[in-house]
């Protein structure tokens, strides 16, 4: 598979990633894999409103 070759992964590891199995990968490595696929990774940190007690992780 072209994507697996581009990422330097064998087919079983690539298939696991496609199924969301990210055990054994650091965040840094996952970001580098996304960059290799032409994706830009951004992390935005913004304060919660003072009265907001909920915490959230938003991925867009």
Protein backbone atom coordinates (compact mmCIF):
# COMPACT_ATOMS: atom_id res chain seq x y z
CA UNK A 1 0.00 0.00 0.00
CA UNK A 2 1.35 3.42 -0.91
CA UNK A 3 0.43 5.11 2.39
CA UNK A 4 2.09 2.37 4.44
CA UNK A 5 5.24 2.69 2.32
CA UNK A 6 5.20 6.48 2.64
CA UNK A 7 5.00 6.17 6.43
CA UNK A 8 7.61 3.43 6.62
CA UNK A 9 5.18 1.01 8.24
CA UNK A 10 4.49 -2.60 7.38
CA UNK A 11 0.94 -3.53 6.40
CA UNK A 12 -0.14 -4.97 9.79
CA UNK A 13 0.98 -1.84 11.67
CA UNK A 14 -0.68 0.40 9.11
CA UNK A 15 -3.92 -1.56 9.35
CA UNK A 16 -3.91 -1.20 13.14
CA UNK A 17 -3.47 2.57 12.82
CA UNK A 18 -6.38 2.74 10.39
CA UNK A 19 -8.52 1.01 13.00
CA UNK A 20 -7.48 3.53 15.66
CA UNK A 21 -5.04 1.25 17.46
CA UNK A 22 -2.35 3.72 18.50
CA UNK A 23 -0.78 1.78 21.37
CA UNK A 24 2.99 1.97 21.22
CA UNK A 25 3.06 5.29 19.35
CA UNK A 26 4.01 8.55 20.99
CA UNK A 27 2.04 11.69 20.21
CA UNK A 28 5.15 13.03 18.49
CA UNK A 29 5.35 10.00 16.20
CA UNK A 30 1.65 10.22 15.34
CA UNK A 31 2.07 13.90 14.46
CA UNK A 32 5.05 13.05 12.24
CA UNK A 33 3.00 10.37 10.48
CA UNK A 34 0.25 12.91 9.83
CA UNK A 35 2.83 15.39 8.51
CA UNK A 36 4.19 12.72 6.18
CA UNK A 37 0.66 12.39 4.77
CA UNK A 38 0.56 16.12 4.09
CA UNK A 39 -1.52 17.04 7.13
CA UNK A 40 -0.83 20.06 9.31
CA UNK A 41 -1.18 19.46 13.03
CA UNK A 42 -2.16 22.36 15.28
CA UNK A 43 -2.68 22.42 19.02
CA UNK A 44 -4.63 25.39 20.37
CA UNK A 45 -4.83 26.09 24.07
CA UNK A 46 -7.52 28.51 25.19
CA UNK A 47 -8.78 29.34 28.68
CA UNK A 48 -12.21 28.19 29.78
CA UNK A 49 -14.80 30.78 30.68
CA UNK A 50 -14.60 31.56 34.41
CA UNK A 51 -17.95 29.95 35.14
CA UNK A 52 -17.35 26.88 32.98
CA UNK A 53 -16.49 23.81 35.04
CA UNK A 54 -16.50 21.35 32.16
CA UNK A 55 -13.26 20.32 30.54
CA UNK A 56 -13.10 19.30 26.94
CA UNK A 57 -10.78 18.11 24.21
CA UNK A 58 -11.83 19.42 20.81
CA UNK A 59 -10.41 17.97 17.61
CA UNK A 60 -11.41 19.63 14.37
